[in-house]
Structures are given as C-alpha cells and as structure tokens.
Amino acid sequence: MNNRLSILGAAAALTFALAGCGSSSTPAGEGGSSESAASNSLQEIQDSGVLTVGTEGTYKPFSFHEDGSGELTGYDVEVITAVAEKMGVEAEFEETQWDAIFAGLEAGRFDVIANQVSITDERKETYDFSEPYTVSSGVIVTSADNNDISSFEDLSGKTTAQSLTSNWYELATESGANVEPVEGWAQSVTLLEQGRVDATINDELTYLDYQKTNNNEGIKIAATTDETSESAVAVVKGSTELVDAINTALGELRADGTLTEISEKYFGSDVSE
C-alpha cells in the first residue's frame, strides 16, 4: 500500500460519502424550526445551560430516530450529548436537512453541527472544527475466499460494483477496474455474493455498520486507502473558546473510554481515532 499515493493522486480530495455533499451556500432560513437564535459564545452557552446542536435526524447510524420510540439517537447524537455533559450543559437538537445545515449554523439557529461533517481545507476557510471524533478510510471489499485482490493495484482488469455518482466510482476507474453500475451498497454486496463482481469500494464505516447488523462472513476488507476522512464538530469561524471546551470534553471522553464504547456500540470497532 506504500505506492497507493500515485493511484490516489487525483482522489486525494475525496469527499467521503458520509458527509461530503454539503454546501455552506444554501440561503439561511431553510431547514430548522427554532425561531430563537443560538449563541456561539461559550459563556452564553454556559449561562443558558444548553448547547444547541444542528443534526439531520435521518442519517443512520449517525443521527436518526429509533423505530418504535421515535427517540433521536445515533453515533453523533451520543457523542455530542456526552460532550455537552462534560461541558456542564445539556444538548438540545435542531433537526435540519443537510442542504441547509451550514446556513443554520451561520444564522445562529444552533451553536454547533454534529452530523459527520468532514474536515476539508475549503470548509476550514469558513468554519472552525473540533478535534475529529470519527476517522474513516476507503476500503476494498471482496468475497471472503478471494485471494487475488490485496491492493488497489490488483483491481486492474477486475470488475467492481459502484454507484456511478459516487467518489468510489472515480477511485475504481483510476485503479483500472471495470465498473458494474449499482444503486448502492446493498446491491454491491448481492453481486459479490453471487460472484458477478470481484469487489466493491466503499467507506469503511458503511462496511462496519453493515457487519454490525448482518455479520456477513462471506465478505471481507481486502485493502484500505492510505488517506483518511476525519469528521468533527463544526462551529462558526472565530469560536476559539467553544472549540477549546469541546476539545477538552472530547479528550476526557477519549481518555475514559466513552468514545470507544460509543464507537463499538454502533460499529463493533473504534472509529473515534
């Protein structure tokens, strides 16, 4: 995998499917239901006793409603709730569509975003970020008995199942693979199981989430990208004291094992670092 840099050169700016499609250009006023503006001042958050959090609520397993109870839960929801507790305040959630979530932050409808926001150079020009609480790679997934693929170079001439609109399609073609178009992960797994494709490329979190529920022994991770995607809490630019407080809380949660515990609950593995 040391020579993966040449293959990944054009994909170095991969916007991982988890959170890469957002934009901060959506006009304020779309999404979110609260009429009161949240404050990005740490002192005001502490005085109010509330950290207002923007999240989708429709993004399983990160931010979603449980079947039956309808309770908002998920990996990101539990992480930011624990962060708020460490800060001595309570997390309150404003559910907002992804396309409007950055506009909601800029308009002050919430203090932070916790919704698998990946850290990119472009976003850092406009927003501040905490330390990452999710780290993920791209992975090649093959059938468990496939011994022919152990690197991205091995995809040359092989057939992978990919959505044509995903960044993983680009990486597959750069690696020399022939692509069988699919609509999503579930169809890719089906084609793998049927022996109709040799592999599929996707995000490691997608694989882990699937295996946590299905425990499919018929597939495996055959190779991993060198580059990673890091997701963090996003705040408005200049919120230095708030970022420091969040980072302190995340550090304590990492040290006491809480982040690992939440990770393993949702993914069966520690994805927090």
C-alpha atoms as a PDB file:
ATOM      1  CA  MET A   1       0.000   0.000   0.000  1.00  0.00           C
ATOM      2  CA  ASN A   2       3.013   2.333   0.144  1.00  0.00           C
ATOM      3  CA  ASN A   3       2.655   3.091  -3.573  1.00  0.00           C
ATOM      4  CA  ARG A   4      -1.002   3.995  -3.225  1.00  0.00           C
ATOM      5  CA  LEU A   5      -0.138   7.709  -3.462  1.00  0.00           C
ATOM      6  CA  SER A   6       0.155   7.519  -7.232  1.00  0.00           C
ATOM      7  CA  ILE A   7      -3.251   5.896  -7.574  1.00  0.00           C
ATOM      8  CA  LEU A   8      -4.875   8.229  -5.121  1.00  0.00           C
ATOM      9  CA  GLY A   9      -3.324  11.389  -6.501  1.00  0.00           C
ATOM     10  CA  ALA A  10      -6.482  12.519  -8.276  1.00  0.00           C
ATOM     11  CA  ALA A  11      -8.600  11.270  -5.409  1.00  0.00           C
ATOM     12  CA  ALA A  12      -6.665  12.962  -2.622  1.00  0.00           C
ATOM     13  CA  ALA A  13      -9.543  15.372  -2.170  1.00  0.00           C
ATOM     14  CA  LEU A  14     -12.050  12.567  -1.795  1.00  0.00           C
ATOM     15  CA  THR A  15     -15.173  13.893  -0.192  1.00  0.00           C
ATOM     16  CA  PHE A  16     -16.223  10.768   1.607  1.00  0.00           C
ATOM     17  CA  ALA A  17     -19.814   9.743   1.055  1.00  0.00           C
ATOM     18  CA  LEU A  18     -20.535  10.169   4.755  1.00  0.00           C
ATOM     19  CA  ALA A  19     -20.525  13.968   4.689  1.00  0.00           C
ATOM     20  CA  GLY A  20     -19.034  15.220   1.502  1.00  0.00           C
ATOM     21  CA  CYS A  21     -22.087  16.609  -0.289  1.00  0.00           C
ATOM     22  CA  GLY A  22     -22.823  19.589   1.910  1.00  0.00           C
ATOM     23  CA  SER A  23     -22.603  23.221   0.973  1.00  0.00           C
ATOM     24  CA  SER A  24     -22.485  26.383   3.009  1.00  0.00           C
ATOM     25  CA  SER A  25     -24.104  28.407   0.238  1.00  0.00           C
ATOM     26  CA  THR A  26     -27.699  27.442   0.990  1.00  0.00           C
ATOM     27  CA  PRO A  27     -29.656  30.562   1.963  1.00  0.00           C
ATOM     28  CA  ALA A  28     -30.393  30.957   5.642  1.00  0.00           C
ATOM     29  CA  GLY A  29     -33.964  30.300   6.589  1.00  0.00           C
ATOM     30  CA  GLU A  30     -34.235  26.852   5.033  1.00  0.00           C
ATOM     31  CA  GLY A  31     -34.396  23.957   7.476  1.00  0.00           C
ATOM     32  CA  GLY A  32     -34.555  24.157  11.263  1.00  0.00           C
ATOM     33  CA  SER A  33     -37.649  25.114  13.208  1.00  0.00           C
ATOM     34  CA  SER A  34     -36.451  27.235  16.093  1.00  0.00           C
ATOM     35  CA  GLU A  35     -37.208  30.949  15.957  1.00  0.00           C
ATOM     36  CA  SER A  36     -34.685  31.775  18.681  1.00  0.00           C
ATOM     37  CA  ALA A  37     -31.098  32.209  17.572  1.00  0.00           C
ATOM     38  CA  ALA A  38     -28.498  30.079  19.295  1.00  0.00           C
ATOM     39  CA  SER A  39     -25.354  31.689  20.654  1.00  0.00           C
ATOM     40  CA  ASN A  40     -21.844  30.694  19.713  1.00  0.00           C
ATOM     41  CA  SER A  41     -20.349  32.280  22.839  1.00  0.00           C
ATOM     42  CA  LEU A  42     -19.098  29.705  25.335  1.00  0.00           C
ATOM     43  CA  GLN A  43     -20.050  31.960  28.225  1.00  0.00           C
ATOM     44  CA  GLU A  44     -23.598  32.370  26.941  1.00  0.00           C
ATOM     45  CA  ILE A  45     -23.901  28.631  26.368  1.00  0.00           C
ATOM     46  CA  GLN A  46     -22.751  28.001  29.907  1.00  0.00           C
ATOM     47  CA  ASP A  47     -25.127  30.646  31.262  1.00  0.00           C
ATOM     48  CA  SER A  48     -28.075  29.142  29.405  1.00  0.00           C
ATOM     49  CA  GLY A  49     -27.097  25.582  30.285  1.00  0.00           C
ATOM     50  CA  VAL A  50     -27.842  24.470  26.729  1.00  0.00           C
ATOM     51  CA  LEU A  51     -25.677  23.528  23.748  1.00  0.00           C
ATOM     52  CA  THR A  52     -27.885  23.699  20.663  1.00  0.00           C
ATOM     53  CA  VAL A  53     -26.871  21.132  18.052  1.00  0.00           C
ATOM     54  CA  GLY A  54     -27.733  21.013  14.360  1.00  0.00           C
ATOM     55  CA  THR A  55     -28.153  17.490  13.019  1.00  0.00           C
ATOM     56  CA  GLU A  56     -30.165  15.723  10.327  1.00  0.00           C
ATOM     57  CA  GLY A  57     -32.049  13.091  12.298  1.00  0.00           C
ATOM     58  CA  THR A  58     -32.363  10.996   9.124  1.00  0.00           C
ATOM     59  CA  TYR A  59     -28.776   9.754   8.753  1.00  0.00           C
ATOM     60  CA  LYS A  60     -28.481   6.275  10.239  1.00  0.00           C
ATOM     61  CA  PRO A  61     -26.397   5.216  12.154  1.00  0.00           C
ATOM     62  CA  PHE A  62     -25.146   8.719  12.966  1.00  0.00           C
ATOM     63  CA  SER A  63     -28.309  10.711  13.616  1.00  0.00           C
ATOM     64  CA  PHE A  64     -31.707   9.012  13.349  1.00  0.00           C
ATOM     65  CA  HIS A  65     -34.924   8.145  15.140  1.00  0.00           C
ATOM     66  CA  GLU A  66     -35.323   4.727  16.717  1.00  0.00           C
ATOM     67  CA  ASP A  67     -38.099   2.534  15.421  1.00  0.00           C
ATOM     68  CA  GLY A  68     -40.917   2.346  17.901  1.00  0.00           C
ATOM     69  CA  SER A  69     -39.900   5.014  20.417  1.00  0.00           C
ATOM     70  CA  GLY A  70     -39.049   7.647  17.818  1.00  0.00           C
ATOM     71  CA  GLU A  71     -36.221   8.843  20.058  1.00  0.00           C
ATOM     72  CA  LEU A  72     -33.385  10.727  18.360  1.00  0.00           C
ATOM     73  CA  THR A  73     -30.215   8.688  18.677  1.00  0.00           C
ATOM     74  CA  GLY A  74     -27.116   7.657  16.768  1.00  0.00           C
ATOM     75  CA  TYR A  75     -23.342   7.789  16.984  1.00  0.00           C
ATOM     76  CA  ASP A  76     -23.052  11.560  16.519  1.00  0.00           C
ATOM     77  CA  VAL A  77     -26.008  12.222  18.808  1.00  0.00           C
ATOM     78  CA  GLU A  78     -24.457  10.192  21.626  1.00  0.00           C
ATOM     79  CA  VAL A  79     -21.017  11.741  21.153  1.00  0.00           C
ATOM     80  CA  ILE A  80     -22.222  15.345  21.263  1.00  0.00           C
ATOM     81  CA  THR A  81     -24.563  14.575  24.165  1.00  0.00           C
ATOM     82  CA  ALA A  82     -21.581  13.239  26.118  1.00  0.00           C
ATOM     83  CA  VAL A  83     -19.531  16.296  25.113  1.00  0.00           C
ATOM     84  CA  ALA A  84     -22.259  18.609  26.404  1.00  0.00           C
ATOM     85  CA  GLU A  85     -22.393  16.735  29.699  1.00  0.00           C
ATOM     86  CA  LYS A  86     -18.632  17.147  30.116  1.00  0.00           C
ATOM     87  CA  MET A  87     -19.113  20.858  29.457  1.00  0.00           C
ATOM     88  CA  GLY A  88     -21.747  21.011  32.177  1.00  0.00           C
ATOM     89  CA  VAL A  89     -24.638  21.801  29.837  1.00  0.00           C
ATOM     90  CA  GLU A  90     -27.438  19.906  28.100  1.00  0.00           C
ATOM     91  CA  ALA A  91     -27.527  19.114  24.392  1.00  0.00           C
ATOM     92  CA  GLU A  92     -30.667  20.184  22.563  1.00  0.00           C
ATOM     93  CA  PHE A  93     -31.100  19.230  18.920  1.00  0.00           C
ATOM     94  CA  GLU A  94     -32.363  21.177  15.933  1.00  0.00           C
ATOM     95  CA  GLU A  95     -33.079  18.743  13.114  1.00  0.00           C
ATOM     96  CA  THR A  96     -32.220  20.272   9.769  1.00  0.00           C
ATOM     97  CA  GLN A  97     -31.809  18.985   6.241  1.00  0.00           C
ATOM     98  CA  TRP A  98     -28.192  18.637   5.181  1.00  0.00           C
ATOM     99  CA  ASP A  99     -28.511  21.207   2.409  1.00  0.00           C
ATOM    100  CA  ALA A 100     -29.487  23.855   4.971  1.00  0.00           C
ATOM    101  CA  ILE A 101     -27.376  22.809   7.940  1.00  0.00           C
ATOM    102  CA  PHE A 102     -24.454  25.205   7.390  1.00  0.00           C
ATOM    103  CA  ALA A 103     -26.820  28.094   6.741  1.00  0.00           C
ATOM    104  CA  GLY A 104     -28.491  27.275  10.050  1.00  0.00           C
ATOM    105  CA  LEU A 105     -25.138  27.454  11.823  1.00  0.00           C
ATOM    106  CA  GLU A 106     -24.317  30.777  10.191  1.00  0.00           C
ATOM    107  CA  ALA A 107     -27.762  32.155  11.088  1.00  0.00           C
ATOM    108  CA  GLY A 108     -27.266  31.199  14.745  1.00  0.00           C
ATOM    109  CA  ARG A 109     -30.077  28.660  14.925  1.00  0.00           C
ATOM    110  CA  PHE A 110     -27.661  26.315  16.638  1.00  0.00           C
ATOM    111  CA  ASP A 111     -24.238  26.530  18.247  1.00  0.00           C
ATOM    112  CA  VAL A 112     -22.603  23.542  16.588  1.00  0.00           C
ATOM    113  CA  ILE A 113     -23.149  20.908  13.917  1.00  0.00           C
ATOM    114  CA  ALA A 114     -22.712  17.231  14.831  1.00  0.00           C
ATOM    115  CA  ASN A 115     -23.529  15.310  11.665  1.00  0.00           C
ATOM    116  CA  GLN A 116     -20.390  13.631  10.304  1.00  0.00           C
ATOM    117  CA  VAL A 117     -19.045  16.878   8.906  1.00  0.00           C
ATOM    118  CA  SER A 118     -15.743  16.008   7.256  1.00  0.00           C
ATOM    119  CA  ILE A 119     -12.857  18.423   7.738  1.00  0.00           C
ATOM    120  CA  THR A 120     -11.721  19.861   4.405  1.00  0.00           C
ATOM    121  CA  ASP A 121      -9.447  22.752   3.524  1.00  0.00           C
ATOM    122  CA  GLU A 122     -12.371  24.517   1.868  1.00  0.00           C
ATOM    123  CA  ARG A 123     -14.557  24.240   4.942  1.00  0.00           C
ATOM    124  CA  LYS A 124     -11.758  25.359   7.259  1.00  0.00           C
ATOM    125  CA  GLU A 125     -11.751  28.691   5.437  1.00  0.00           C
ATOM    126  CA  THR A 126     -15.301  29.339   6.668  1.00  0.00           C
ATOM    127  CA  TYR A 127     -15.752  27.282   9.853  1.00  0.00           C
ATOM    128  CA  ASP A 128     -13.787  26.135  12.874  1.00  0.00           C
ATOM    129  CA  PHE A 129     -13.612  22.471  13.825  1.00  0.00           C
ATOM    130  CA  SER A 130     -13.040  20.456  16.943  1.00  0.00           C
ATOM    131  CA  GLU A 131     -10.616  17.579  17.038  1.00  0.00           C
ATOM    132  CA  PRO A 132     -12.020  14.695  14.964  1.00  0.00           C
ATOM    133  CA  TYR A 133     -14.277  12.153  16.646  1.00  0.00           C
ATOM    134  CA  THR A 134     -14.561   9.913  13.567  1.00  0.00           C
ATOM    135  CA  VAL A 135     -11.717   8.680  11.377  1.00  0.00           C
ATOM    136  CA  SER A 136     -12.503   6.515   8.362  1.00  0.00           C
ATOM    137  CA  SER A 137     -10.789   5.124   5.282  1.00  0.00           C
ATOM    138  CA  GLY A 138     -11.922   3.832   1.934  1.00  0.00           C
ATOM    139  CA  VAL A 139     -11.856   0.041   1.667  1.00  0.00           C
ATOM    140  CA  ILE A 140     -11.942  -2.648  -0.995  1.00  0.00           C
ATOM    141  CA  VAL A 141     -14.466  -5.333  -0.068  1.00  0.00           C
ATOM    142  CA  THR A 142     -14.281  -8.762  -1.696  1.00  0.00           C
ATOM    143  CA  SER A 143     -15.735 -12.193  -1.105  1.00  0.00           C
ATOM    144  CA  ALA A 144     -14.097 -13.898   1.858  1.00  0.00           C
ATOM    145  CA  ASP A 145     -12.439 -16.532  -0.324  1.00  0.00           C
ATOM    146  CA  ASN A 146     -10.945 -14.059  -2.811  1.00  0.00           C
ATOM    147  CA  ASN A 147      -7.140 -14.214  -2.607  1.00  0.00           C
ATOM    148  CA  ASP A 148      -6.446 -12.324  -5.842  1.00  0.00           C
ATOM    149  CA  ILE A 149      -7.059  -8.809  -4.506  1.00  0.00           C
ATOM    150  CA  SER A 150      -4.975  -7.376  -1.677  1.00  0.00           C
ATOM    151  CA  SER A 151      -4.214  -3.873  -3.018  1.00  0.00           C
ATOM    152  CA  PHE A 152      -5.726  -1.240  -5.276  1.00  0.00           C
ATOM    153  CA  GLU A 153      -3.254  -2.201  -7.983  1.00  0.00           C
ATOM    154  CA  ASP A 154      -4.885  -5.646  -8.024  1.00  0.00           C
ATOM    155  CA  LEU A 155      -8.156  -4.084  -9.196  1.00  0.00           C
ATOM    156  CA  SER A 156      -6.722  -3.538 -12.669  1.00  0.00           C
ATOM    157  CA  GLY A 157      -8.788  -5.608 -15.079  1.00  0.00           C
ATOM    158  CA  LYS A 158     -11.152  -6.748 -12.306  1.00  0.00           C
ATOM    159  CA  THR A 159     -14.843  -5.818 -12.031  1.00  0.00           C
ATOM    160  CA  THR A 160     -16.137  -3.697  -9.160  1.00  0.00           C
ATOM    161  CA  ALA A 161     -19.694  -2.747  -8.251  1.00  0.00           C
ATOM    162  CA  GLN A 162     -20.051   1.016  -7.815  1.00  0.00           C
ATOM    163  CA  SER A 163     -22.633   3.768  -7.907  1.00  0.00           C
ATOM    164  CA  LEU A 164     -21.738   5.918 -10.899  1.00  0.00           C
ATOM    165  CA  THR A 165     -22.331   9.116  -8.921  1.00  0.00           C
ATOM    166  CA  SER A 166     -20.012   8.232  -6.023  1.00  0.00           C
ATOM    167  CA  ASN A 167     -16.388   9.170  -5.472  1.00  0.00           C
ATOM    168  CA  TRP A 168     -15.651   5.465  -5.164  1.00  0.00           C
ATOM    169  CA  TYR A 169     -16.510   5.058  -8.846  1.00  0.00           C
ATOM    170  CA  GLU A 170     -13.723   7.504  -9.660  1.00  0.00           C
ATOM    171  CA  LEU A 171     -11.243   5.621  -7.487  1.00  0.00           C
ATOM    172  CA  ALA A 172     -12.259   2.281  -9.041  1.00  0.00           C
ATOM    173  CA  THR A 173     -11.699   3.529 -12.584  1.00  0.00           C
ATOM    174  CA  GLU A 174      -8.381   5.169 -11.626  1.00  0.00           C
ATOM    175  CA  SER A 175      -7.328   1.780 -10.266  1.00  0.00           C
ATOM    176  CA  GLY A 176      -8.046   0.188 -13.661  1.00  0.00           C
ATOM    177  CA  ALA A 177     -11.228  -1.645 -12.698  1.00  0.00           C
ATOM    178  CA  ASN A 178     -14.208  -2.313 -14.928  1.00  0.00           C
ATOM    179  CA  VAL A 179     -17.289  -0.967 -13.170  1.00  0.00           C
ATOM    180  CA  GLU A 180     -20.654  -2.685 -12.862  1.00  0.00           C
ATOM    181  CA  PRO A 181     -23.172   0.105 -12.070  1.00  0.00           C
ATOM    182  CA  VAL A 182     -25.280  -0.346  -8.920  1.00  0.00           C
ATOM    183  CA  GLU A 183     -27.685   1.788  -6.944  1.00  0.00           C
ATOM    184  CA  GLY A 184     -25.968   1.348  -3.587  1.00  0.00           C
ATOM    185  CA  TRP A 185     -24.133  -0.767  -1.034  1.00  0.00           C
ATOM    186  CA  ALA A 186     -26.801  -3.457  -0.641  1.00  0.00           C
ATOM    187  CA  GLN A 187     -26.765  -4.233  -4.354  1.00  0.00           C
ATOM    188  CA  SER A 188     -22.965  -4.328  -4.357  1.00  0.00           C
ATOM    189  CA  VAL A 189     -22.967  -6.966  -1.614  1.00  0.00           C
ATOM    190  CA  THR A 190     -25.536  -9.030  -3.504  1.00  0.00           C
ATOM    191  CA  LEU A 191     -23.396  -9.034  -6.651  1.00  0.00           C
ATOM    192  CA  LEU A 192     -20.345 -10.014  -4.608  1.00  0.00           C
ATOM    193  CA  GLU A 193     -22.219 -12.909  -3.047  1.00  0.00           C
ATOM    194  CA  GLN A 194     -23.407 -14.039  -6.469  1.00  0.00           C
ATOM    195  CA  GLY A 195     -19.863 -13.917  -7.862  1.00  0.00           C
ATOM    196  CA  ARG A 196     -20.873 -11.426 -10.534  1.00  0.00           C
ATOM    197  CA  VAL A 197     -18.233  -8.865  -9.468  1.00  0.00           C
ATOM    198  CA  ASP A 198     -14.799  -9.203  -7.914  1.00  0.00           C
ATOM    199  CA  ALA A 199     -15.005  -6.314  -5.443  1.00  0.00           C
ATOM    200  CA  THR A 200     -16.604  -3.059  -4.401  1.00  0.00           C
ATOM    201  CA  ILE A 201     -15.030   0.091  -2.953  1.00  0.00           C
ATOM    202  CA  ASN A 202     -16.830   2.000  -0.208  1.00  0.00           C
ATOM    203  CA  ASP A 203     -16.329   3.784   3.085  1.00  0.00           C
ATOM    204  CA  GLU A 204     -15.116   1.679   5.994  1.00  0.00           C
ATOM    205  CA  LEU A 205     -17.957   2.941   8.179  1.00  0.00           C
ATOM    206  CA  THR A 206     -20.500   1.631   5.680  1.00  0.00           C
ATOM    207  CA  TYR A 207     -18.881  -1.795   5.881  1.00  0.00           C
ATOM    208  CA  LEU A 208     -18.676  -1.767   9.685  1.00  0.00           C
ATOM    209  CA  ASP A 209     -22.269  -0.604  10.083  1.00  0.00           C
ATOM    210  CA  TYR A 210     -23.436  -3.368   7.754  1.00  0.00           C
ATOM    211  CA  GLN A 211     -21.414  -6.046   9.525  1.00  0.00           C
ATOM    212  CA  LYS A 212     -22.604  -4.909  12.973  1.00  0.00           C
ATOM    213  CA  THR A 213     -26.134  -5.828  11.891  1.00  0.00           C
ATOM    214  CA  ASN A 214     -25.557  -8.669   9.431  1.00  0.00           C
ATOM    215  CA  ASN A 215     -22.289 -10.355  10.478  1.00  0.00           C
ATOM    216  CA  ASN A 216     -21.777 -11.498   6.902  1.00  0.00           C
ATOM    217  CA  GLU A 217     -18.851 -13.933   6.956  1.00  0.00           C
ATOM    218  CA  GLY A 218     -18.946 -14.182   3.170  1.00  0.00           C
ATOM    219  CA  ILE A 219     -17.227 -10.821   2.611  1.00  0.00           C
ATOM    220  CA  LYS A 220     -14.063  -9.156   3.902  1.00  0.00           C
ATOM    221  CA  ILE A 221     -11.953  -5.999   3.684  1.00  0.00           C
ATOM    222  CA  ALA A 222      -9.134  -6.734   1.256  1.00  0.00           C
ATOM    223  CA  ALA A 223      -7.336  -3.360   1.255  1.00  0.00           C
ATOM    224  CA  THR A 224      -7.569   0.121   2.762  1.00  0.00           C
ATOM    225  CA  THR A 225      -6.709   3.582   1.426  1.00  0.00           C
ATOM    226  CA  ASP A 226      -3.766   5.429   2.947  1.00  0.00           C
ATOM    227  CA  GLU A 227      -5.798   8.627   3.163  1.00  0.00           C
ATOM    228  CA  THR A 228      -8.492   9.020   5.806  1.00  0.00           C
ATOM    229  CA  SER A 229     -11.561  11.185   6.220  1.00  0.00           C
ATOM    230  CA  GLU A 230     -11.930  12.938   9.576  1.00  0.00           C
ATOM    231  CA  SER A 231     -15.254  14.209  10.900  1.00  0.00           C
ATOM    232  CA  ALA A 232     -15.608  16.735  13.699  1.00  0.00           C
ATOM    233  CA  VAL A 233     -17.912  19.220  15.401  1.00  0.00           C
ATOM    234  CA  ALA A 234     -18.286  22.341  13.246  1.00  0.00           C
ATOM    235  CA  VAL A 235     -18.761  25.863  14.656  1.00  0.00           C
ATOM    236  CA  VAL A 236     -18.741  29.368  13.227  1.00  0.00           C
ATOM    237  CA  LYS A 237     -15.343  30.882  12.497  1.00  0.00           C
ATOM    238  CA  GLY A 238     -13.659  32.508  15.476  1.00  0.00           C
ATOM    239  CA  SER A 239     -15.308  30.385  18.191  1.00  0.00           C
ATOM    240  CA  THR A 240     -11.957  29.607  19.800  1.00  0.00           C
ATOM    241  CA  GLU A 241     -13.169  29.226  23.388  1.00  0.00           C
ATOM    242  CA  LEU A 242     -16.032  26.959  22.327  1.00  0.00           C
ATOM    243  CA  VAL A 243     -13.709  24.765  20.254  1.00  0.00           C
ATOM    244  CA  ASP A 244     -11.287  24.532  23.191  1.00  0.00           C
ATOM    245  CA  ALA A 245     -14.112  23.458  25.513  1.00  0.00           C
ATOM    246  CA  ILE A 246     -15.327  20.829  23.047  1.00  0.00           C
ATOM    247  CA  ASN A 247     -11.785  19.530  22.561  1.00  0.00           C
ATOM    248  CA  THR A 248     -11.287  19.282  26.314  1.00  0.00           C
ATOM    249  CA  ALA A 249     -14.505  17.296  26.589  1.00  0.00           C
ATOM    250  CA  LEU A 250     -13.531  15.012  23.701  1.00  0.00           C
ATOM    251  CA  GLY A 251     -10.135  14.441  25.303  1.00  0.00           C
ATOM    252  CA  GLU A 252     -11.770  13.380  28.553  1.00  0.00           C
ATOM    253  CA  LEU A 253     -14.220  11.116  26.707  1.00  0.00           C
ATOM    254  CA  ARG A 254     -11.357   9.534  24.799  1.00  0.00           C
ATOM    255  CA  ALA A 255      -9.331   9.021  27.976  1.00  0.00           C
ATOM    256  CA  ASP A 256     -12.168   7.464  29.978  1.00  0.00           C
ATOM    257  CA  GLY A 257     -13.155   5.123  27.148  1.00  0.00           C
ATOM    258  CA  THR A 258     -16.533   6.689  26.368  1.00  0.00           C
ATOM    259  CA  LEU A 259     -15.739   7.374  22.699  1.00  0.00           C
ATOM    260  CA  THR A 260     -14.547   3.804  22.239  1.00  0.00           C
ATOM    261  CA  GLU A 261     -17.686   2.486  23.909  1.00  0.00           C
ATOM    262  CA  ILE A 262     -19.995   4.542  21.681  1.00  0.00           C
ATOM    263  CA  SER A 263     -17.997   3.527  18.590  1.00  0.00           C
ATOM    264  CA  GLU A 264     -18.204  -0.157  19.380  1.00  0.00           C
ATOM    265  CA  LYS A 265     -21.917   0.130  20.094  1.00  0.00           C
ATOM    266  CA  TYR A 266     -22.619   1.333  16.557  1.00  0.00           C
ATOM    267  CA  PHE A 267     -19.764  -0.146  14.516  1.00  0.00           C
ATOM    268  CA  GLY A 268     -18.260  -3.002  16.505  1.00  0.00           C
ATOM    269  CA  SER A 269     -14.924  -1.202  16.238  1.00  0.00           C
ATOM    270  CA  ASP A 270     -13.308   2.007  17.491  1.00  0.00           C
ATOM    271  CA  VAL A 271     -13.702   4.614  14.752  1.00  0.00           C
ATOM    272  CA  SER A 272     -13.006   7.596  17.004  1.00  0.00           C
ATOM    273  CA  GLU A 273      -9.275   7.857  16.259  1.00  0.00           C
END
